[in-house]
Every structure is written in structure tokens, then in C-alpha cells.
Amino acid sequence: MGMPMELNTMIVTKGNEVREEENRFVLQKDGYRLYPIDIPIAVFKTKDSEQSGTALIKKVEWQQEKTTITYTLVSLKSTN
């Protein structure tokens, strides 16, 4: 029996991220997802929106068919 898994090369938050500290966020997604760790990747609010920043993922956890990532925002693209 296989385990369905998705490989992600960007973070799409859909507004569900939770700020832990100044630049550190936690995001939980449904299903099992694999992300690159300690490599800068793009952050988007939605899949079709413009890039809102760049992050480094520090931790990926799989539990009960959910993936939780902890990431640090290293740059933010402002609309101003």
C-alpha cells in the first residue's frame, strides 16, 4: 500500500499561516507534502497571486494525514 505524497517547490498560504515570532510562521496543509529545507523558496497567498515573499523552511512534520511546516520569512515584497 502506497502513501500519497506531493512535492512542493513553493509555499501557498491561503491566509492560514500563524505567526510564532517576528519572522517565523507555522502553516498546516492537508495531506503529506515534501518541501525543500533551508533553501529559499517563494511564498504566495494563493496559487495565482503574485509572490509575497521568500522563506526558508526550517521544519517539516507529517502527522495524521497533515503536513505542518515551520518557516522563516527572509524577504517580503511590499505592495507599497
PDB file of N, CA and C in Angstrom:
ATOM      1  N   MET A   1       0.843  -1.180   0.000  1.00  0.00           N
ATOM      2  CA  MET A   1       0.000   0.000   0.000  1.00  0.00           C
ATOM      3  C   MET A   1       0.887   1.242   0.000  1.00  0.00           C
ATOM      4  N   GLY A   2       0.631   2.143  -0.926  1.00  0.00           N
ATOM      5  CA  GLY A   2       1.431   3.350  -1.050  1.00  0.00           C
ATOM      6  C   GLY A   2       0.878   4.495  -0.229  1.00  0.00           C
ATOM      7  N   MET A   3       1.704   5.495  -0.058  1.00  0.00           N
ATOM      8  CA  MET A   3       1.298   6.692   0.661  1.00  0.00           C
ATOM      9  C   MET A   3       1.308   7.853  -0.334  1.00  0.00           C
ATOM     10  N   PRO A   4       0.166   8.506  -0.579  1.00  0.00           N
ATOM     11  CA  PRO A   4       0.158   9.641  -1.498  1.00  0.00           C
ATOM     12  C   PRO A   4       0.962  10.798  -0.909  1.00  0.00           C
ATOM     13  N   MET A   5       1.844  11.379  -1.730  1.00  0.00           N
ATOM     14  CA  MET A   5       2.693  12.471  -1.272  1.00  0.00           C
ATOM     15  C   MET A   5       2.868  13.466  -2.408  1.00  0.00           C
ATOM     16  N   GLU A   6       2.918  14.718  -2.062  1.00  0.00           N
ATOM     17  CA  GLU A   6       3.054  15.797  -3.033  1.00  0.00           C
ATOM     18  C   GLU A   6       4.378  16.501  -2.793  1.00  0.00           C
ATOM     19  N   LEU A   7       5.111  16.810  -3.855  1.00  0.00           N
ATOM     20  CA  LEU A   7       6.356  17.562  -3.761  1.00  0.00           C
ATOM     21  C   LEU A   7       6.059  19.022  -4.070  1.00  0.00           C
ATOM     22  N   ASN A   8       6.321  19.917  -3.127  1.00  0.00           N
ATOM     23  CA  ASN A   8       6.033  21.336  -3.295  1.00  0.00           C
ATOM     24  C   ASN A   8       7.323  22.132  -3.405  1.00  0.00           C
ATOM     25  N   THR A   9       7.333  23.082  -4.339  1.00  0.00           N
ATOM     26  CA  THR A   9       8.506  23.940  -4.530  1.00  0.00           C
ATOM     27  C   THR A   9       8.187  25.401  -4.234  1.00  0.00           C
ATOM     28  N   MET A  10       7.014  25.658  -3.654  1.00  0.00           N
ATOM     29  CA  MET A  10       6.639  26.991  -3.201  1.00  0.00           C
ATOM     30  C   MET A  10       5.661  26.827  -2.046  1.00  0.00           C
ATOM     31  N   ILE A  11       5.501  27.888  -1.272  1.00  0.00           N
ATOM     32  CA  ILE A  11       4.570  27.883  -0.154  1.00  0.00           C
ATOM     33  C   ILE A  11       3.353  28.702  -0.572  1.00  0.00           C
ATOM     34  N   VAL A  12       2.171  28.101  -0.495  1.00  0.00           N
ATOM     35  CA  VAL A  12       0.917  28.805  -0.753  1.00  0.00           C
ATOM     36  C   VAL A  12       0.145  28.826   0.557  1.00  0.00           C
ATOM     37  N   THR A  13      -0.018  30.016   1.141  1.00  0.00           N
ATOM     38  CA  THR A  13      -0.558  30.123   2.495  1.00  0.00           C
ATOM     39  C   THR A  13      -2.081  30.165   2.559  1.00  0.00           C
ATOM     40  N   LYS A  14      -2.725  30.716   1.567  1.00  0.00           N
ATOM     41  CA  LYS A  14      -4.186  30.925   1.580  1.00  0.00           C
ATOM     42  C   LYS A  14      -4.635  31.632   2.849  1.00  0.00           C
ATOM     43  N   GLY A  15      -3.726  32.408   3.459  1.00  0.00           N
ATOM     44  CA  GLY A  15      -4.050  33.158   4.666  1.00  0.00           C
ATOM     45  C   GLY A  15      -4.117  32.319   5.928  1.00  0.00           C
ATOM     46  N   ASN A  16      -3.666  31.070   5.884  1.00  0.00           N
ATOM     47  CA  ASN A  16      -3.758  30.169   7.035  1.00  0.00           C
ATOM     48  C   ASN A  16      -2.486  30.099   7.875  1.00  0.00           C
ATOM     49  N   GLU A  17      -1.484  30.900   7.556  1.00  0.00           N
ATOM     50  CA  GLU A  17      -0.246  30.873   8.330  1.00  0.00           C
ATOM     51  C   GLU A  17      -0.465  31.491   9.703  1.00  0.00           C
ATOM     52  N   VAL A  18       0.293  31.008  10.682  1.00  0.00           N
ATOM     53  CA  VAL A  18       0.218  31.517  12.050  1.00  0.00           C
ATOM     54  C   VAL A  18       1.607  32.013  12.432  1.00  0.00           C
ATOM     55  N   ARG A  19       1.672  33.271  12.866  1.00  0.00           N
ATOM     56  CA  ARG A  19       2.960  33.852  13.261  1.00  0.00           C
ATOM     57  C   ARG A  19       3.343  33.342  14.643  1.00  0.00           C
ATOM     58  N   GLU A  20       4.558  32.772  14.754  1.00  0.00           N
ATOM     59  CA  GLU A  20       5.069  32.325  16.053  1.00  0.00           C
ATOM     60  C   GLU A  20       5.929  33.400  16.689  1.00  0.00           C
ATOM     61  N   GLU A  21       6.795  33.977  15.891  1.00  0.00           N
ATOM     62  CA  GLU A  21       7.667  35.070  16.325  1.00  0.00           C
ATOM     63  C   GLU A  21       7.689  36.091  15.209  1.00  0.00           C
ATOM     64  N   GLU A  22       8.605  37.034  15.287  1.00  0.00           N
ATOM     65  CA  GLU A  22       8.645  38.133  14.329  1.00  0.00           C
ATOM     66  C   GLU A  22       8.611  37.663  12.877  1.00  0.00           C
ATOM     67  N   ASN A  23       9.521  36.801  12.476  1.00  0.00           N
ATOM     68  CA  ASN A  23       9.581  36.337  11.092  1.00  0.00           C
ATOM     69  C   ASN A  23       9.358  34.835  10.950  1.00  0.00           C
ATOM     70  N   ARG A  24       8.934  34.165  12.006  1.00  0.00           N
ATOM     71  CA  ARG A  24       8.731  32.713  11.952  1.00  0.00           C
ATOM     72  C   ARG A  24       7.237  32.387  11.945  1.00  0.00           C
ATOM     73  N   PHE A  25       6.856  31.536  10.999  1.00  0.00           N
ATOM     74  CA  PHE A  25       5.463  31.184  10.809  1.00  0.00           C
ATOM     75  C   PHE A  25       5.299  29.674  10.786  1.00  0.00           C
ATOM     76  N   VAL A  26       4.078  29.220  11.098  1.00  0.00           N
ATOM     77  CA  VAL A  26       3.713  27.806  11.013  1.00  0.00           C
ATOM     78  C   VAL A  26       2.499  27.718  10.099  1.00  0.00           C
ATOM     79  N   LEU A  27       2.516  26.726   9.223  1.00  0.00           N
ATOM     80  CA  LEU A  27       1.419  26.518   8.282  1.00  0.00           C
ATOM     81  C   LEU A  27       1.103  25.036   8.221  1.00  0.00           C
ATOM     82  N   GLN A  28      -0.177  24.712   8.344  1.00  0.00           N
ATOM     83  CA  GLN A  28      -0.595  23.313   8.255  1.00  0.00           C
ATOM     84  C   GLN A  28      -1.386  23.113   6.971  1.00  0.00           C
ATOM     85  N   LYS A  29      -1.044  22.031   6.233  1.00  0.00           N
ATOM     86  CA  LYS A  29      -1.701  21.704   4.967  1.00  0.00           C
ATOM     87  C   LYS A  29      -2.237  20.280   5.052  1.00  0.00           C
ATOM     88  N   ASP A  30      -3.316  20.017   4.347  1.00  0.00           N
ATOM     89  CA  ASP A  30      -3.863  18.665   4.273  1.00  0.00           C
ATOM     90  C   ASP A  30      -2.976  17.769   3.423  1.00  0.00           C
ATOM     91  N   GLY A  31      -2.888  16.518   3.777  1.00  0.00           N
ATOM     92  CA  GLY A  31      -2.106  15.543   3.017  1.00  0.00           C
ATOM     93  C   GLY A  31      -0.632  15.577   3.396  1.00  0.00           C
ATOM     94  N   TYR A  32       0.104  14.649   2.794  1.00  0.00           N
ATOM     95  CA  TYR A  32       1.547  14.574   3.026  1.00  0.00           C
ATOM     96  C   TYR A  32       2.255  15.334   1.920  1.00  0.00           C
ATOM     97  N   ARG A  33       3.074  16.300   2.301  1.00  0.00           N
ATOM     98  CA  ARG A  33       3.784  17.155   1.350  1.00  0.00           C
ATOM     99  C   ARG A  33       5.260  17.203   1.719  1.00  0.00           C
ATOM    100  N   LEU A  34       6.081  17.239   0.708  1.00  0.00           N
ATOM    101  CA  LEU A  34       7.520  17.317   0.904  1.00  0.00           C
ATOM    102  C   LEU A  34       7.994  18.679   0.409  1.00  0.00           C
ATOM    103  N   TYR A  35       8.765  19.380   1.218  1.00  0.00           N
ATOM    104  CA  TYR A  35       9.292  20.706   0.897  1.00  0.00           C
ATOM    105  C   TYR A  35      10.807  20.694   1.049  1.00  0.00           C
ATOM    106  N   PRO A  36      11.509  21.528   0.266  1.00  0.00           N
ATOM    107  CA  PRO A  36      12.954  21.662   0.479  1.00  0.00           C
ATOM    108  C   PRO A  36      13.221  22.420   1.786  1.00  0.00           C
ATOM    109  N   ILE A  37      14.211  21.976   2.522  1.00  0.00           N
ATOM    110  CA  ILE A  37      14.549  22.611   3.796  1.00  0.00           C
ATOM    111  C   ILE A  37      15.816  23.447   3.629  1.00  0.00           C
ATOM    112  N   ASP A  38      15.815  24.639   4.226  1.00  0.00           N
ATOM    113  CA  ASP A  38      16.955  25.566   4.226  1.00  0.00           C
ATOM    114  C   ASP A  38      17.372  26.018   2.828  1.00  0.00           C
ATOM    115  N   ILE A  39      16.423  26.055   1.901  1.00  0.00           N
ATOM    116  CA  ILE A  39      16.650  26.580   0.552  1.00  0.00           C
ATOM    117  C   ILE A  39      15.597  27.663   0.333  1.00  0.00           C
ATOM    118  N   PRO A  40      15.974  28.854  -0.126  1.00  0.00           N
ATOM    119  CA  PRO A  40      14.976  29.914  -0.326  1.00  0.00           C
ATOM    120  C   PRO A  40      13.904  29.482  -1.334  1.00  0.00           C
ATOM    121  N   ILE A  41      12.640  29.599  -0.929  1.00  0.00           N
ATOM    122  CA  ILE A  41      11.537  29.306  -1.842  1.00  0.00           C
ATOM    123  C   ILE A  41      10.499  30.427  -1.762  1.00  0.00           C
ATOM    124  N   ALA A  42       9.729  30.583  -2.824  1.00  0.00           N
ATOM    125  CA  ALA A  42       8.745  31.652  -2.932  1.00  0.00           C
ATOM    126  C   ALA A  42       7.528  31.378  -2.053  1.00  0.00           C
ATOM    127  N   VAL A  43       6.954  32.481  -1.528  1.00  0.00           N
ATOM    128  CA  VAL A  43       5.729  32.422  -0.732  1.00  0.00           C
ATOM    129  C   VAL A  43       4.644  33.181  -1.492  1.00  0.00           C
ATOM    130  N   PHE A  44       3.482  32.558  -1.613  1.00  0.00           N
ATOM    131  CA  PHE A  44       2.334  33.153  -2.290  1.00  0.00           C
ATOM    132  C   PHE A  44       1.119  33.079  -1.378  1.00  0.00           C
ATOM    133  N   LYS A  45       0.214  34.056  -1.466  1.00  0.00           N
ATOM    134  CA  LYS A  45      -1.052  33.993  -0.726  1.00  0.00           C
ATOM    135  C   LYS A  45      -1.970  32.956  -1.365  1.00  0.00           C
ATOM    136  N   THR A  46      -2.070  32.982  -2.702  1.00  0.00           N
ATOM    137  CA  THR A  46      -2.834  31.983  -3.453  1.00  0.00           C
ATOM    138  C   THR A  46      -1.959  31.505  -4.599  1.00  0.00           C
ATOM    139  N   LYS A  47      -2.355  30.409  -5.200  1.00  0.00           N
ATOM    140  CA  LYS A  47      -1.570  29.827  -6.287  1.00  0.00           C
ATOM    141  C   LYS A  47      -1.422  30.782  -7.475  1.00  0.00           C
ATOM    142  N   ASP A  48      -2.428  31.625  -7.703  1.00  0.00           N
ATOM    143  CA  ASP A  48      -2.426  32.523  -8.856  1.00  0.00           C
ATOM    144  C   ASP A  48      -2.030  33.962  -8.527  1.00  0.00           C
ATOM    145  N   SER A  49      -1.688  34.249  -7.268  1.00  0.00           N
ATOM    146  CA  SER A  49      -1.307  35.613  -6.881  1.00  0.00           C
ATOM    147  C   SER A  49       0.168  35.863  -7.176  1.00  0.00           C
ATOM    148  N   GLU A  50       0.558  37.124  -7.008  1.00  0.00           N
ATOM    149  CA  GLU A  50       1.974  37.467  -7.150  1.00  0.00           C
ATOM    150  C   GLU A  50       2.728  37.010  -5.912  1.00  0.00           C
ATOM    151  N   GLN A  51       4.021  36.792  -6.062  1.00  0.00           N
ATOM    152  CA  GLN A  51       4.857  36.355  -4.942  1.00  0.00           C
ATOM    153  C   GLN A  51       4.843  37.412  -3.854  1.00  0.00           C
ATOM    154  N   SER A  52       4.593  36.973  -2.600  1.00  0.00           N
ATOM    155  CA  SER A  52       4.548  37.925  -1.492  1.00  0.00           C
ATOM    156  C   SER A  52       5.843  37.953  -0.688  1.00  0.00           C
ATOM    157  N   GLY A  53       6.726  36.978  -0.909  1.00  0.00           N
ATOM    158  CA  GLY A  53       7.987  36.961  -0.185  1.00  0.00           C
ATOM    159  C   GLY A  53       8.793  35.714  -0.483  1.00  0.00           C
ATOM    160  N   THR A  54       9.890  35.561   0.277  1.00  0.00           N
ATOM    161  CA  THR A  54      10.764  34.403   0.166  1.00  0.00           C
ATOM    162  C   THR A  54      10.989  33.861   1.574  1.00  0.00           C
ATOM    163  N   ALA A  55      11.015  32.535   1.695  1.00  0.00           N
ATOM    164  CA  ALA A  55      11.140  31.914   3.013  1.00  0.00           C
ATOM    165  C   ALA A  55      12.141  30.770   2.993  1.00  0.00           C
ATOM    166  N   LEU A  56      12.627  30.438   4.188  1.00  0.00           N
ATOM    167  CA  LEU A  56      13.439  29.246   4.407  1.00  0.00           C
ATOM    168  C   LEU A  56      12.638  28.331   5.321  1.00  0.00           C
ATOM    169  N   ILE A  57      12.340  27.131   4.858  1.00  0.00           N
ATOM    170  CA  ILE A  57      11.631  26.171   5.687  1.00  0.00           C
ATOM    171  C   ILE A  57      12.627  25.538   6.644  1.00  0.00           C
ATOM    172  N   LYS A  58      12.294  25.553   7.915  1.00  0.00           N
ATOM    173  CA  LYS A  58      13.173  25.030   8.953  1.00  0.00           C
ATOM    174  C   LYS A  58      12.745  23.656   9.464  1.00  0.00           C
ATOM    175  N   LYS A  59      11.444  23.348   9.352  1.00  0.00           N
ATOM    176  CA  LYS A  59      10.961  22.076   9.883  1.00  0.00           C
ATOM    177  C   LYS A  59       9.728  21.634   9.109  1.00  0.00           C
ATOM    178  N   VAL A  60       9.665  20.326   8.801  1.00  0.00           N
ATOM    179  CA  VAL A  60       8.503  19.709   8.162  1.00  0.00           C
ATOM    180  C   VAL A  60       8.072  18.535   9.036  1.00  0.00           C
ATOM    181  N   GLU A  61       6.794  18.509   9.400  1.00  0.00           N
ATOM    182  CA  GLU A  61       6.259  17.420  10.226  1.00  0.00           C
ATOM    183  C   GLU A  61       5.060  16.789   9.522  1.00  0.00           C
ATOM    184  N   TRP A  62       5.012  15.456   9.502  1.00  0.00           N
ATOM    185  CA  TRP A  62       3.865  14.711   8.971  1.00  0.00           C
ATOM    186  C   TRP A  62       3.173  14.040  10.130  1.00  0.00           C
ATOM    187  N   GLN A  63       1.860  14.230  10.229  1.00  0.00           N
ATOM    188  CA  GLN A  63       1.114  13.591  11.303  1.00  0.00           C
ATOM    189  C   GLN A  63      -0.361  13.574  10.938  1.00  0.00           C
ATOM    190  N   GLN A  64      -0.993  12.421  11.041  1.00  0.00           N
ATOM    191  CA  GLN A  64      -2.427  12.244  10.835  1.00  0.00           C
ATOM    192  C   GLN A  64      -2.903  12.859   9.512  1.00  0.00           C
ATOM    193  N   GLU A  65      -2.195  12.510   8.432  1.00  0.00           N
ATOM    194  CA  GLU A  65      -2.510  12.961   7.075  1.00  0.00           C
ATOM    195  C   GLU A  65      -2.494  14.480   6.918  1.00  0.00           C
ATOM    196  N   LYS A  66      -1.647  15.134   7.699  1.00  0.00           N
ATOM    197  CA  LYS A  66      -1.436  16.578   7.586  1.00  0.00           C
ATOM    198  C   LYS A  66       0.055  16.862   7.606  1.00  0.00           C
ATOM    199  N   THR A  67       0.441  17.928   6.934  1.00  0.00           N
ATOM    200  CA  THR A  67       1.825  18.388   6.918  1.00  0.00           C
ATOM    201  C   THR A  67       1.876  19.743   7.606  1.00  0.00           C
ATOM    202  N   THR A  68       2.785  19.900   8.556  1.00  0.00           N
ATOM    203  CA  THR A  68       2.986  21.181   9.226  1.00  0.00           C
ATOM    204  C   THR A  68       4.399  21.649   8.916  1.00  0.00           C
ATOM    205  N   ILE A  69       4.500  22.876   8.385  1.00  0.00           N
ATOM    206  CA  ILE A  69       5.828  23.434   8.106  1.00  0.00           C
ATOM    207  C   ILE A  69       6.056  24.653   8.992  1.00  0.00           C
ATOM    208  N   THR A  70       7.292  24.795   9.426  1.00  0.00           N
ATOM    209  CA  THR A  70       7.730  25.978  10.150  1.00  0.00           C
ATOM    210  C   THR A  70       8.748  26.668   9.250  1.00  0.00           C
ATOM    211  N   TYR A  71       8.493  27.935   8.957  1.00  0.00           N
ATOM    212  CA  TYR A  71       9.390  28.647   8.039  1.00  0.00           C
ATOM    213  C   TYR A  71       9.691  30.047   8.539  1.00  0.00           C
ATOM    214  N   THR A  72      10.832  30.556   8.092  1.00  0.00           N
ATOM    215  CA  THR A  72      11.253  31.912   8.413  1.00  0.00           C
ATOM    216  C   THR A  72      11.155  32.760   7.150  1.00  0.00           C
ATOM    217  N   LEU A  73      10.455  33.845   7.232  1.00  0.00           N
ATOM    218  CA  LEU A  73      10.330  34.777   6.117  1.00  0.00           C
ATOM    219  C   LEU A  73      11.622  35.586   6.032  1.00  0.00           C
ATOM    220  N   VAL A  74      12.340  35.476   4.917  1.00  0.00           N
ATOM    221  CA  VAL A  74      13.621  36.174   4.792  1.00  0.00           C
ATOM    222  C   VAL A  74      13.498  37.446   3.961  1.00  0.00           C
ATOM    223  N   SER A  75      12.441  37.546   3.156  1.00  0.00           N
ATOM    224  CA  SER A  75      12.182  38.813   2.450  1.00  0.00           C
ATOM    225  C   SER A  75      10.694  38.919   2.196  1.00  0.00           C
ATOM    226  N   LEU A  76      10.215  40.154   2.165  1.00  0.00           N
ATOM    227  CA  LEU A  76       8.813  40.435   1.958  1.00  0.00           C
ATOM    228  C   LEU A  76       8.683  41.441   0.834  1.00  0.00           C
ATOM    229  N   LYS A  77       7.857  41.132  -0.136  1.00  0.00           N
ATOM    230  CA  LYS A  77       7.629  42.055  -1.258  1.00  0.00           C
ATOM    231  C   LYS A  77       6.407  42.902  -0.909  1.00  0.00           C
ATOM    232  N   SER A  78       6.624  44.170  -0.714  1.00  0.00           N
ATOM    233  CA  SER A  78       5.556  45.069  -0.299  1.00  0.00           C
ATOM    234  C   SER A  78       4.787  45.609  -1.507  1.00  0.00           C
ATOM    235  N   THR A  79       3.493  45.832  -1.322  1.00  0.00           N
ATOM    236  CA  THR A  79       2.673  46.420  -2.382  1.00  0.00           C
ATOM    237  C   THR A  79       2.747  47.938  -2.366  1.00  0.00           C
ATOM    238  N   ASN A  80       3.414  48.530  -1.397  1.00  0.00           N
ATOM    239  CA  ASN A  80       3.524  49.982  -1.298  1.00  0.00           C
ATOM    240  C   ASN A  80       4.582  50.519  -2.206  1.00  0.00           C
TER     241      ASN A  80
END
